[in-house]
């Protein structure tokens, strides 16, 4: 069984594959927490927090990458986006 540290490491590795694209646009992303139900809560930083494409970035990019790398994660949400 994977430990919480193993899961966080796999999530960070997955996010690291997306970070160069976010940073190119003046943004970044950080983990807020993981719920007992397997919901990963993230915070978009910099220009990503107000970008009109943030919802698509979350669903089509970040959520897909994280769920493929870490099957324990059931969904991914950004705590600072008004639309999920």
PDB file of N, CA and C in Angstrom:
ATOM      1  N   UNK A   1       0.845  -1.203   0.000  1.00  0.00           N
ATOM      2  CA  UNK A   1       0.000   0.000   0.000  1.00  0.00           C
ATOM      3  C   UNK A   1       0.878   1.250   0.000  1.00  0.00           C
ATOM      4  N   UNK A   2       0.449   2.238  -0.767  1.00  0.00           N
ATOM      5  CA  UNK A   2       1.218   3.472  -0.849  1.00  0.00           C
ATOM      6  C   UNK A   2       0.967   4.335   0.376  1.00  0.00           C
ATOM      7  N   UNK A   3       2.025   4.977   0.837  1.00  0.00           N
ATOM      8  CA  UNK A   3       1.892   5.902   1.951  1.00  0.00           C
ATOM      9  C   UNK A   3       1.470   7.267   1.419  1.00  0.00           C
ATOM     10  N   UNK A   4       1.061   8.127   2.330  1.00  0.00           N
ATOM     11  CA  UNK A   4       0.695   9.492   1.935  1.00  0.00           C
ATOM     12  C   UNK A   4       1.875  10.200   1.267  1.00  0.00           C
ATOM     13  N   UNK A   5       3.077   9.935   1.769  1.00  0.00           N
ATOM     14  CA  UNK A   5       4.269  10.550   1.191  1.00  0.00           C
ATOM     15  C   UNK A   5       4.489  10.060  -0.236  1.00  0.00           C
ATOM     16  N   UNK A   6       4.291   8.754  -0.465  1.00  0.00           N
ATOM     17  CA  UNK A   6       4.427   8.209  -1.822  1.00  0.00           C
ATOM     18  C   UNK A   6       3.431   8.865  -2.774  1.00  0.00           C
ATOM     19  N   UNK A   7       2.201   9.011  -2.318  1.00  0.00           N
ATOM     20  CA  UNK A   7       1.159   9.623  -3.155  1.00  0.00           C
ATOM     21  C   UNK A   7       1.519  11.072  -3.466  1.00  0.00           C
ATOM     22  N   UNK A   8       1.933  11.815  -2.442  1.00  0.00           N
ATOM     23  CA  UNK A   8       2.315  13.221  -2.659  1.00  0.00           C
ATOM     24  C   UNK A   8       3.494  13.320  -3.626  1.00  0.00           C
ATOM     25  N   UNK A   9       4.466  12.426  -3.487  1.00  0.00           N
ATOM     26  CA  UNK A   9       5.617  12.446  -4.397  1.00  0.00           C
ATOM     27  C   UNK A   9       5.187  12.192  -5.837  1.00  0.00           C
ATOM     28  N   UNK A  10       4.282  11.247  -6.038  1.00  0.00           N
ATOM     29  CA  UNK A  10       3.793  10.953  -7.389  1.00  0.00           C
ATOM     30  C   UNK A  10       2.990  12.119  -7.953  1.00  0.00           C
ATOM     31  N   UNK A  11       2.199  12.770  -7.097  1.00  0.00           N
ATOM     32  CA  UNK A  11       1.438  13.943  -7.533  1.00  0.00           C
ATOM     33  C   UNK A  11       2.394  15.066  -7.933  1.00  0.00           C
ATOM     34  N   UNK A  12       3.382  15.332  -7.091  1.00  0.00           N
ATOM     35  CA  UNK A  12       4.351  16.396  -7.398  1.00  0.00           C
ATOM     36  C   UNK A  12       5.079  16.096  -8.703  1.00  0.00           C
ATOM     37  N   UNK A  13       5.453  14.836  -8.925  1.00  0.00           N
ATOM     38  CA  UNK A  13       6.129  14.469 -10.168  1.00  0.00           C
ATOM     39  C   UNK A  13       5.214  14.718 -11.367  1.00  0.00           C
ATOM     40  N   UNK A  14       3.944  14.401 -11.205  1.00  0.00           N
ATOM     41  CA  UNK A  14       2.982  14.642 -12.277  1.00  0.00           C
ATOM     42  C   UNK A  14       2.817  16.142 -12.530  1.00  0.00           C
ATOM     43  N   UNK A  15       2.697  16.913 -11.466  1.00  0.00           N
ATOM     44  CA  UNK A  15       2.566  18.364 -11.607  1.00  0.00           C
ATOM     45  C   UNK A  15       3.816  18.973 -12.234  1.00  0.00           C
ATOM     46  N   UNK A  16       4.975  18.380 -11.925  1.00  0.00           N
ATOM     47  CA  UNK A  16       6.225  18.898 -12.491  1.00  0.00           C
ATOM     48  C   UNK A  16       6.248  18.790 -14.011  1.00  0.00           C
ATOM     49  N   UNK A  17       5.501  17.850 -14.578  1.00  0.00           N
ATOM     50  CA  UNK A  17       5.437  17.742 -16.039  1.00  0.00           C
ATOM     51  C   UNK A  17       4.634  18.891 -16.631  1.00  0.00           C
ATOM     52  N   UNK A  18       3.734  19.482 -15.834  1.00  0.00           N
ATOM     53  CA  UNK A  18       2.892  20.590 -16.301  1.00  0.00           C
ATOM     54  C   UNK A  18       3.480  21.963 -15.965  1.00  0.00           C
ATOM     55  N   UNK A  19       4.300  22.024 -14.943  1.00  0.00           N
ATOM     56  CA  UNK A  19       4.797  23.318 -14.463  1.00  0.00           C
ATOM     57  C   UNK A  19       5.528  24.147 -15.509  1.00  0.00           C
ATOM     58  N   UNK A  20       6.352  23.556 -16.370  1.00  0.00           N
ATOM     59  CA  UNK A  20       7.029  24.417 -17.363  1.00  0.00           C
ATOM     60  C   UNK A  20       6.046  25.212 -18.222  1.00  0.00           C
ATOM     61  N   UNK A  21       4.928  24.604 -18.583  1.00  0.00           N
ATOM     62  CA  UNK A  21       3.920  25.301 -19.399  1.00  0.00           C
ATOM     63  C   UNK A  21       3.244  26.407 -18.587  1.00  0.00           C
ATOM     64  N   UNK A  22       2.960  26.113 -17.333  1.00  0.00           N
ATOM     65  CA  UNK A  22       2.341  27.120 -16.472  1.00  0.00           C
ATOM     66  C   UNK A  22       3.298  28.289 -16.248  1.00  0.00           C
ATOM     67  N   UNK A  23       4.561  27.959 -15.988  1.00  0.00           N
ATOM     68  CA  UNK A  23       5.555  29.001 -15.733  1.00  0.00           C
ATOM     69  C   UNK A  23       5.811  29.853 -16.959  1.00  0.00           C
ATOM     70  N   UNK A  24       5.737  29.240 -18.148  1.00  0.00           N
ATOM     71  CA  UNK A  24       5.898  30.019 -19.383  1.00  0.00           C
ATOM     72  C   UNK A  24       4.849  31.113 -19.491  1.00  0.00           C
ATOM     73  N   UNK A  25       3.684  30.889 -18.896  1.00  0.00           N
ATOM     74  CA  UNK A  25       2.595  31.867 -18.918  1.00  0.00           C
ATOM     75  C   UNK A  25       2.529  32.691 -17.634  1.00  0.00           C
ATOM     76  N   UNK A  26       3.568  32.607 -16.803  1.00  0.00           N
ATOM     77  CA  UNK A  26       3.619  33.410 -15.582  1.00  0.00           C
ATOM     78  C   UNK A  26       2.855  32.821 -14.413  1.00  0.00           C
ATOM     79  N   UNK A  27       2.625  31.527 -14.426  1.00  0.00           N
ATOM     80  CA  UNK A  27       1.866  30.900 -13.343  1.00  0.00           C
ATOM     81  C   UNK A  27       2.593  29.727 -12.730  1.00  0.00           C
ATOM     82  N   UNK A  28       1.886  29.063 -11.843  1.00  0.00           N
ATOM     83  CA  UNK A  28       2.386  27.857 -11.191  1.00  0.00           C
ATOM     84  C   UNK A  28       1.209  27.209 -10.487  1.00  0.00           C
ATOM     85  N   UNK A  29       1.490  26.130  -9.757  1.00  0.00           N
ATOM     86  CA  UNK A  29       0.440  25.391  -9.072  1.00  0.00           C
ATOM     87  C   UNK A  29       1.015  24.782  -7.809  1.00  0.00           C
ATOM     88  N   UNK A  30       0.191  24.722  -6.754  1.00  0.00           N
ATOM     89  CA  UNK A  30       0.638  24.090  -5.513  1.00  0.00           C
ATOM     90  C   UNK A  30      -0.473  23.218  -4.940  1.00  0.00           C
ATOM     91  N   UNK A  31      -0.060  22.182  -4.228  1.00  0.00           N
ATOM     92  CA  UNK A  31      -1.004  21.288  -3.567  1.00  0.00           C
ATOM     93  C   UNK A  31      -1.504  21.957  -2.295  1.00  0.00           C
ATOM     94  N   UNK A  32      -2.828  21.955  -2.120  1.00  0.00           N
ATOM     95  CA  UNK A  32      -3.425  22.445  -0.870  1.00  0.00           C
ATOM     96  C   UNK A  32      -3.621  21.263   0.065  1.00  0.00           C
ATOM     97  N   UNK A  33      -4.345  20.247  -0.405  1.00  0.00           N
ATOM     98  CA  UNK A  33      -4.522  19.031   0.384  1.00  0.00           C
ATOM     99  C   UNK A  33      -5.193  17.949  -0.451  1.00  0.00           C
ATOM    100  N   UNK A  34      -5.328  16.782   0.151  1.00  0.00           N
ATOM    101  CA  UNK A  34      -6.038  15.660  -0.450  1.00  0.00           C
ATOM    102  C   UNK A  34      -7.079  15.218   0.566  1.00  0.00           C
ATOM    103  N   UNK A  35      -8.319  15.135   0.131  1.00  0.00           N
ATOM    104  CA  UNK A  35      -9.379  14.714   1.044  1.00  0.00           C
ATOM    105  C   UNK A  35      -9.367  13.194   1.198  1.00  0.00           C
ATOM    106  N   UNK A  36     -10.073  12.712   2.203  1.00  0.00           N
ATOM    107  CA  UNK A  36     -10.201  11.270   2.422  1.00  0.00           C
ATOM    108  C   UNK A  36     -10.909  10.579   1.263  1.00  0.00           C
ATOM    109  N   UNK A  37     -11.669  11.350   0.485  1.00  0.00           N
ATOM    110  CA  UNK A  37     -12.401  10.804  -0.661  1.00  0.00           C
ATOM    111  C   UNK A  37     -11.555  10.777  -1.930  1.00  0.00           C
ATOM    112  N   UNK A  38     -10.296  11.195  -1.851  1.00  0.00           N
ATOM    113  CA  UNK A  38      -9.414  11.177  -3.014  1.00  0.00           C
ATOM    114  C   UNK A  38      -9.529  12.394  -3.902  1.00  0.00           C
ATOM    115  N   UNK A  39      -9.964  13.514  -3.334  1.00  0.00           N
ATOM    116  CA  UNK A  39     -10.044  14.764  -4.091  1.00  0.00           C
ATOM    117  C   UNK A  39      -8.778  15.574  -3.814  1.00  0.00           C
ATOM    118  N   UNK A  40      -8.040  15.846  -4.876  1.00  0.00           N
ATOM    119  CA  UNK A  40      -6.841  16.660  -4.771  1.00  0.00           C
ATOM    120  C   UNK A  40      -7.240  18.117  -4.932  1.00  0.00           C
ATOM    121  N   UNK A  41      -6.913  18.925  -3.933  1.00  0.00           N
ATOM    122  CA  UNK A  41      -7.222  20.352  -3.993  1.00  0.00           C
ATOM    123  C   UNK A  41      -5.930  21.105  -4.271  1.00  0.00           C
ATOM    124  N   UNK A  42      -5.959  21.888  -5.344  1.00  0.00           N
ATOM    125  CA  UNK A  42      -4.799  22.640  -5.792  1.00  0.00           C
ATOM    126  C   UNK A  42      -5.090  24.135  -5.783  1.00  0.00           C
ATOM    127  N   UNK A  43      -4.033  24.917  -5.750  1.00  0.00           N
ATOM    128  CA  UNK A  43      -4.159  26.373  -5.875  1.00  0.00           C
ATOM    129  C   UNK A  43      -3.352  26.802  -7.095  1.00  0.00           C
ATOM    130  N   UNK A  44      -4.005  27.478  -8.002  1.00  0.00           N
ATOM    131  CA  UNK A  44      -3.324  28.058  -9.153  1.00  0.00           C
ATOM    132  C   UNK A  44      -2.698  29.379  -8.712  1.00  0.00           C
ATOM    133  N   UNK A  45      -1.478  29.604  -9.145  1.00  0.00           N
ATOM    134  CA  UNK A  45      -0.726  30.773  -8.711  1.00  0.00           C
ATOM    135  C   UNK A  45      -0.392  31.680  -9.894  1.00  0.00           C
ATOM    136  N   UNK A  46      -0.086  32.929  -9.593  1.00  0.00           N
ATOM    137  CA  UNK A  46       0.317  33.883 -10.620  1.00  0.00           C
ATOM    138  C   UNK A  46      -0.786  34.127 -11.626  1.00  0.00           C
ATOM    139  N   UNK A  47      -0.403  34.248 -12.881  1.00  0.00           N
ATOM    140  CA  UNK A  47      -1.385  34.558 -13.912  1.00  0.00           C
ATOM    141  C   UNK A  47      -2.389  33.421 -14.115  1.00  0.00           C
ATOM    142  N   UNK A  48      -2.051  32.208 -13.698  1.00  0.00           N
ATOM    143  CA  UNK A  48      -2.984  31.081 -13.850  1.00  0.00           C
ATOM    144  C   UNK A  48      -4.244  31.252 -12.996  1.00  0.00           C
ATOM    145  N   UNK A  49      -4.127  31.982 -11.907  1.00  0.00           N
ATOM    146  CA  UNK A  49      -5.276  32.137 -11.017  1.00  0.00           C
ATOM    147  C   UNK A  49      -6.394  32.980 -11.630  1.00  0.00           C
ATOM    148  N   UNK A  50      -6.062  33.784 -12.638  1.00  0.00           N
ATOM    149  CA  UNK A  50      -7.087  34.628 -13.254  1.00  0.00           C
ATOM    150  C   UNK A  50      -7.242  34.398 -14.759  1.00  0.00           C
ATOM    151  N   UNK A  51      -6.565  33.407 -15.275  1.00  0.00           N
ATOM    152  CA  UNK A  51      -6.604  33.141 -16.716  1.00  0.00           C
ATOM    153  C   UNK A  51      -7.953  32.538 -17.114  1.00  0.00           C
ATOM    154  N   UNK A  52      -8.545  33.007 -18.204  1.00  0.00           N
ATOM    155  CA  UNK A  52      -9.825  32.457 -18.658  1.00  0.00           C
ATOM    156  C   UNK A  52      -9.723  30.984 -19.078  1.00  0.00           C
ATOM    157  N   UNK A  53      -8.530  30.511 -19.379  1.00  0.00           N
ATOM    158  CA  UNK A  53      -8.335  29.118 -19.783  1.00  0.00           C
ATOM    159  C   UNK A  53      -8.022  28.191 -18.610  1.00  0.00           C
ATOM    160  N   UNK A  54      -8.019  28.712 -17.388  1.00  0.00           N
ATOM    161  CA  UNK A  54      -7.646  27.911 -16.224  1.00  0.00           C
ATOM    162  C   UNK A  54      -8.516  26.678 -16.037  1.00  0.00           C
ATOM    163  N   UNK A  55      -9.810  26.792 -16.298  1.00  0.00           N
ATOM    164  CA  UNK A  55     -10.696  25.638 -16.131  1.00  0.00           C
ATOM    165  C   UNK A  55     -10.277  24.512 -17.067  1.00  0.00           C
ATOM    166  N   UNK A  56     -10.002  24.847 -18.320  1.00  0.00           N
ATOM    167  CA  UNK A  56      -9.582  23.821 -19.286  1.00  0.00           C
ATOM    168  C   UNK A  56      -8.211  23.266 -18.919  1.00  0.00           C
ATOM    169  N   UNK A  57      -7.333  24.116 -18.450  1.00  0.00           N
ATOM    170  CA  UNK A  57      -6.012  23.650 -18.013  1.00  0.00           C
ATOM    171  C   UNK A  57      -6.170  22.635 -16.889  1.00  0.00           C
ATOM    172  N   UNK A  58      -7.071  22.929 -15.957  1.00  0.00           N
ATOM    173  CA  UNK A  58      -7.285  22.019 -14.823  1.00  0.00           C
ATOM    174  C   UNK A  58      -7.851  20.687 -15.294  1.00  0.00           C
ATOM    175  N   UNK A  59      -8.897  20.714 -16.093  1.00  0.00           N
ATOM    176  CA  UNK A  59      -9.595  19.480 -16.477  1.00  0.00           C
ATOM    177  C   UNK A  59      -8.858  18.689 -17.555  1.00  0.00           C
ATOM    178  N   UNK A  60      -8.439  19.351 -18.609  1.00  0.00           N
ATOM    179  CA  UNK A  60      -7.852  18.640 -19.744  1.00  0.00           C
ATOM    180  C   UNK A  60      -6.369  18.344 -19.540  1.00  0.00           C
ATOM    181  N   UNK A  61      -5.704  19.137 -18.734  1.00  0.00           N
ATOM    182  CA  UNK A  61      -4.265  18.938 -18.549  1.00  0.00           C
ATOM    183  C   UNK A  61      -3.905  18.350 -17.208  1.00  0.00           C
ATOM    184  N   UNK A  62      -4.090  19.140 -16.182  1.00  0.00           N
ATOM    185  CA  UNK A  62      -3.619  18.766 -14.853  1.00  0.00           C
ATOM    186  C   UNK A  62      -4.380  17.566 -14.305  1.00  0.00           C
ATOM    187  N   UNK A  63      -5.709  17.602 -14.329  1.00  0.00           N
ATOM    188  CA  UNK A  63      -6.477  16.480 -13.765  1.00  0.00           C
ATOM    189  C   UNK A  63      -6.177  15.176 -14.505  1.00  0.00           C
ATOM    190  N   UNK A  64      -6.124  15.235 -15.810  1.00  0.00           N
ATOM    191  CA  UNK A  64      -5.836  14.036 -16.598  1.00  0.00           C
ATOM    192  C   UNK A  64      -4.467  13.461 -16.243  1.00  0.00           C
ATOM    193  N   UNK A  65      -3.450  14.309 -16.181  1.00  0.00           N
ATOM    194  CA  UNK A  65      -2.097  13.854 -15.876  1.00  0.00           C
ATOM    195  C   UNK A  65      -2.009  13.256 -14.472  1.00  0.00           C
ATOM    196  N   UNK A  66      -2.620  13.920 -13.503  1.00  0.00           N
ATOM    197  CA  UNK A  66      -2.554  13.436 -12.115  1.00  0.00           C
ATOM    198  C   UNK A  66      -3.290  12.113 -11.967  1.00  0.00           C
ATOM    199  N   UNK A  67      -4.481  12.016 -12.523  1.00  0.00           N
ATOM    200  CA  UNK A  67      -5.265  10.784 -12.384  1.00  0.00           C
ATOM    201  C   UNK A  67      -4.598   9.609 -13.082  1.00  0.00           C
ATOM    202  N   UNK A  68      -3.900   9.845 -14.173  1.00  0.00           N
ATOM    203  CA  UNK A  68      -3.161   8.770 -14.838  1.00  0.00           C
ATOM    204  C   UNK A  68      -1.982   8.315 -13.988  1.00  0.00           C
ATOM    205  N   UNK A  69      -1.291   9.253 -13.366  1.00  0.00           N
ATOM    206  CA  UNK A  69      -0.105   8.930 -12.568  1.00  0.00           C
ATOM    207  C   UNK A  69      -0.460   8.384 -11.190  1.00  0.00           C
ATOM    208  N   UNK A  70      -1.599   8.834 -10.657  1.00  0.00           N
ATOM    209  CA  UNK A  70      -1.984   8.475  -9.286  1.00  0.00           C
ATOM    210  C   UNK A  70      -3.458   8.063  -9.278  1.00  0.00           C
ATOM    211  N   UNK A  71      -3.737   6.782  -9.529  1.00  0.00           N
ATOM    212  CA  UNK A  71      -5.131   6.331  -9.609  1.00  0.00           C
ATOM    213  C   UNK A  71      -5.932   6.527  -8.314  1.00  0.00           C
ATOM    214  N   UNK A  72      -5.248   6.719  -7.204  1.00  0.00           N
ATOM    215  CA  UNK A  72      -5.933   6.965  -5.932  1.00  0.00           C
ATOM    216  C   UNK A  72      -6.678   8.295  -5.933  1.00  0.00           C
ATOM    217  N   UNK A  73      -6.282   9.211  -6.826  1.00  0.00           N
ATOM    218  CA  UNK A  73      -6.935  10.520  -6.920  1.00  0.00           C
ATOM    219  C   UNK A  73      -8.161  10.375  -7.814  1.00  0.00           C
ATOM    220  N   UNK A  74      -9.316  10.725  -7.270  1.00  0.00           N
ATOM    221  CA  UNK A  74     -10.591  10.585  -7.984  1.00  0.00           C
ATOM    222  C   UNK A  74     -10.966  11.844  -8.758  1.00  0.00           C
ATOM    223  N   UNK A  75     -10.598  13.008  -8.230  1.00  0.00           N
ATOM    224  CA  UNK A  75     -10.851  14.260  -8.943  1.00  0.00           C
ATOM    225  C   UNK A  75      -9.863  15.320  -8.464  1.00  0.00           C
ATOM    226  N   UNK A  76      -9.751  16.364  -9.263  1.00  0.00           N
ATOM    227  CA  UNK A  76      -8.830  17.461  -8.973  1.00  0.00           C
ATOM    228  C   UNK A  76      -9.613  18.763  -9.093  1.00  0.00           C
ATOM    229  N   UNK A  77      -9.506  19.599  -8.077  1.00  0.00           N
ATOM    230  CA  UNK A  77     -10.172  20.897  -8.127  1.00  0.00           C
ATOM    231  C   UNK A  77      -9.179  21.996  -7.736  1.00  0.00           C
ATOM    232  N   UNK A  78      -9.417  23.174  -8.261  1.00  0.00           N
ATOM    233  CA  UNK A  78      -8.642  24.346  -7.866  1.00  0.00           C
ATOM    234  C   UNK A  78      -9.471  25.122  -6.856  1.00  0.00           C
ATOM    235  N   UNK A  79      -8.894  25.380  -5.715  1.00  0.00           N
ATOM    236  CA  UNK A  79      -9.640  26.074  -4.658  1.00  0.00           C
ATOM    237  C   UNK A  79      -9.878  27.533  -4.979  1.00  0.00           C
ATOM    238  N   UNK A  80      -9.122  28.090  -5.927  1.00  0.00           N
ATOM    239  CA  UNK A  80      -9.285  29.498  -6.239  1.00  0.00           C
ATOM    240  C   UNK A  80      -9.899  29.749  -7.607  1.00  0.00           C
ATOM    241  N   UNK A  81     -10.585  28.765  -8.160  1.00  0.00           N
ATOM    242  CA  UNK A  81     -11.358  28.974  -9.383  1.00  0.00           C
ATOM    243  C   UNK A  81     -12.831  28.996  -9.021  1.00  0.00           C
ATOM    244  N   UNK A  82     -13.573  29.884  -9.619  1.00  0.00           N
ATOM    245  CA  UNK A  82     -14.989  29.971  -9.286  1.00  0.00           C
ATOM    246  C   UNK A  82     -15.801  28.894  -9.995  1.00  0.00           C
ATOM    247  N   UNK A  83     -15.287  28.344 -11.093  1.00  0.00           N
ATOM    248  CA  UNK A  83     -16.001  27.298 -11.827  1.00  0.00           C
ATOM    249  C   UNK A  83     -15.152  26.040 -11.772  1.00  0.00           C
ATOM    250  N   UNK A  84     -15.762  24.935 -11.405  1.00  0.00           N
ATOM    251  CA  UNK A  84     -15.007  23.664 -11.315  1.00  0.00           C
ATOM    252  C   UNK A  84     -15.447  22.755 -12.406  1.00  0.00           C
TER     253      UNK A  84
END
